[in-house]
Protein backbone atom coordinates (compact mmCIF):
# COMPACT_ATOMS: atom_id res chain seq x y z
CA MET A 1 97.48 201.13 51.85
CA GLU A 2 98.45 204.70 50.97
CA PHE A 3 95.66 207.04 49.83
CA VAL A 4 96.23 210.05 47.61
CA GLU A 5 94.03 212.82 46.24
CA ALA A 6 94.00 212.81 42.47
CA SER A 7 91.90 213.75 39.50
CA SER A 8 89.47 211.49 37.69
CA SER A 9 91.73 211.91 34.65
CA HIS A 10 94.58 210.08 36.43
CA ALA A 11 95.60 206.90 34.59
CA ASP A 12 95.36 204.76 37.74
CA PHE A 13 91.83 205.98 38.42
CA LYS A 14 90.85 205.12 34.85
CA LEU A 15 92.37 201.65 35.22
CA LEU A 16 90.46 200.97 38.44
CA THR A 17 87.16 202.20 37.04
CA MET A 18 87.65 199.96 34.02
CA LEU A 19 87.97 197.02 36.47
CA LEU A 20 84.84 198.27 38.25
CA ASP A 21 82.92 198.30 34.97
CA ILE A 22 84.00 194.72 34.24
CA GLU A 23 82.78 193.64 37.68
CA LEU A 24 79.45 195.44 37.27
CA VAL A 25 78.81 193.67 33.96
CA LYS A 26 79.53 190.33 35.68
CA ARG A 27 77.04 191.18 38.44
CA TYR A 28 74.26 192.71 36.38
CA GLY A 29 74.78 191.38 32.86
CA PRO A 30 73.26 193.28 29.92
CA GLU A 31 71.23 195.47 32.31
CA GLN A 32 74.47 197.28 33.22
CA LYS A 33 74.48 198.99 29.81
CA THR A 34 71.49 201.03 31.01
CA TYR A 35 73.58 202.38 33.89
CA ALA A 36 76.91 202.86 32.10
CA LYS A 37 75.97 206.24 30.63
CA HIS A 38 75.23 207.56 34.14
CA ASN A 39 78.68 206.56 35.37
CA GLN A 40 80.55 208.97 33.11
CA ILE A 41 82.85 211.30 35.01
CA GLU A 42 84.19 214.66 33.87
CA ILE A 43 87.94 214.87 33.27
CA ASP A 44 88.91 216.70 36.46
CA GLU A 45 86.56 215.48 39.18
CA PRO A 46 88.13 215.04 42.64
CA ALA A 47 89.19 211.45 43.28
CA ILE A 48 90.95 209.32 45.90
CA ILE A 49 93.21 206.46 44.82
CA GLY A 50 94.51 203.79 47.19
CA TYR A 51 97.88 202.16 46.54
CA LEU A 52 99.17 198.95 48.06
CA ASP A 53 102.87 198.36 47.51
CA GLY A 54 102.77 200.97 44.74
CA ARG A 55 99.89 199.30 42.88
CA PRO A 56 96.53 201.06 42.45
CA MET A 57 93.95 198.94 44.29
CA ALA A 58 91.06 201.20 45.33
CA CYS A 59 89.32 204.40 44.28
CA GLY A 60 86.35 206.69 44.53
CA CYS A 61 85.39 210.16 43.36
CA PHE A 62 82.57 212.67 43.42
CA ARG A 63 80.94 215.12 41.09
CA LYS A 64 78.81 218.15 41.78
CA PHE A 65 75.15 217.19 42.19
CA SER A 66 73.68 220.54 43.29
CA GLU A 67 74.88 223.77 44.87
CA SER A 68 75.08 222.04 48.25
CA ALA A 69 75.62 218.38 47.38
CA VAL A 70 78.04 216.04 45.62
CA GLU A 71 77.35 212.61 44.20
CA ILE A 72 79.74 209.86 45.26
CA LYS A 73 80.78 207.85 42.20
CA ARG A 74 83.05 205.03 41.05
CA MET A 75 83.79 203.44 44.42
CA PHE A 76 85.91 200.33 43.91
CA VAL A 77 88.32 198.09 45.82
CA ALA A 78 90.17 195.29 44.04
CA GLU A 79 88.91 191.88 45.11
CA GLU A 80 92.17 190.87 46.84
CA CYS A 81 91.99 193.98 49.06
CA ARG A 82 88.37 193.76 50.18
CA ARG A 83 87.14 193.42 53.76
CA ARG A 84 90.04 195.46 55.13
CA GLY A 85 88.21 198.76 55.61
CA TYR A 86 89.70 200.51 52.58
CA SER A 87 86.34 201.53 51.13
CA THR A 88 85.45 203.18 54.45
CA ILE A 89 88.68 205.17 54.34
CA ILE A 90 88.06 206.29 50.76
CA LEU A 91 84.48 207.30 51.56
CA ASP A 92 85.64 209.23 54.64
CA GLN A 93 88.29 211.04 52.62
CA LEU A 94 85.81 211.92 49.87
CA GLU A 95 83.44 213.36 52.48
CA VAL A 96 86.25 215.45 54.01
CA LEU A 97 87.21 216.69 50.55
CA ALA A 98 83.58 217.55 49.76
CA ARG A 99 83.31 219.55 53.00
CA ARG A 100 86.55 221.37 52.16
CA CYS A 101 85.01 222.28 48.79
CA GLY A 102 81.99 223.80 50.57
CA PHE A 103 79.41 221.03 50.16
CA SER A 104 77.10 219.99 52.99
CA CYS A 105 75.53 216.81 51.63
CA THR A 106 76.39 213.71 49.64
CA VAL A 107 74.13 211.49 47.55
CA LEU A 108 74.86 208.26 45.76
CA GLU A 109 73.30 205.47 43.76
CA THR A 110 74.19 201.81 44.09
CA GLY A 111 72.53 198.61 42.98
CA LYS A 112 70.48 196.03 44.83
CA GLY A 113 73.01 193.45 43.61
CA GLN A 114 75.71 195.08 45.74
CA PRO A 115 74.66 194.34 49.33
CA GLU A 116 78.20 194.96 50.58
CA ALA A 117 78.07 198.51 49.19
CA ILE A 118 74.66 199.14 50.74
CA GLY A 119 76.05 197.90 54.07
CA LEU A 120 79.09 200.17 53.78
CA TYR A 121 76.96 203.23 53.15
CA ARG A 122 74.47 202.43 55.93
CA LYS A 123 77.34 201.92 58.38
CA ALA A 124 78.74 205.32 57.31
CA GLY A 125 75.43 207.04 58.12
CA TYR A 126 73.75 207.14 54.73
CA GLN A 127 69.96 206.93 54.59
CA VAL A 128 67.92 205.48 51.73
CA ILE A 129 66.03 208.18 49.81
CA ASP A 130 63.68 208.18 46.84
CA ASN A 131 65.56 207.47 43.64
CA TYR A 132 66.66 210.72 42.06
CA PRO A 133 66.98 211.39 38.32
CA PRO A 134 68.03 209.58 36.22
CA TYR A 135 67.43 206.57 38.50
CA GLU A 136 63.80 207.26 39.46
CA SER A 137 62.38 204.51 37.23
CA MET A 138 65.26 202.05 37.64
CA ASN A 139 64.03 199.30 39.96
CA ASN A 140 67.51 197.95 40.64
CA SER A 141 68.80 201.29 41.99
CA VAL A 142 69.13 202.23 45.63
CA CYS A 143 69.74 205.95 46.24
CA MET A 144 71.13 207.25 49.51
CA GLN A 145 72.02 210.54 51.16
CA LYS A 146 74.11 211.83 54.05
CA LYS A 147 74.35 215.28 55.59
CA LEU A 148 77.98 216.24 56.12
């Protein structure tokens, strides 16, 4: 897979995040509507897109969370490309990009119905933290943090 830096406005990123949203609705059902508004990304957020044989198959991005931290968002790998380490590569590249932009910490939110994502983040050195706003009262959320 080839990985490229892009913008969250890139058509391939939008396609992949649409597939992510479809998968999240399958996993969480109507409850996902509560989370959808928190998954909105500004037009020009930094993103990584993975291509396999010229086809977009994986992505992730981040947005500014605070003066020192970014929030990892919209991590996705197409089902036929999973369990090959691509999500680890995207996460690593997002962390490098965040450091280059002057950030020293990352945070993220994932769901209890995504044990593979929780495993990925734990393996990458993320620690569970108290749920941050707007997830503080959302029982299905798992928030995590990593110092870069």
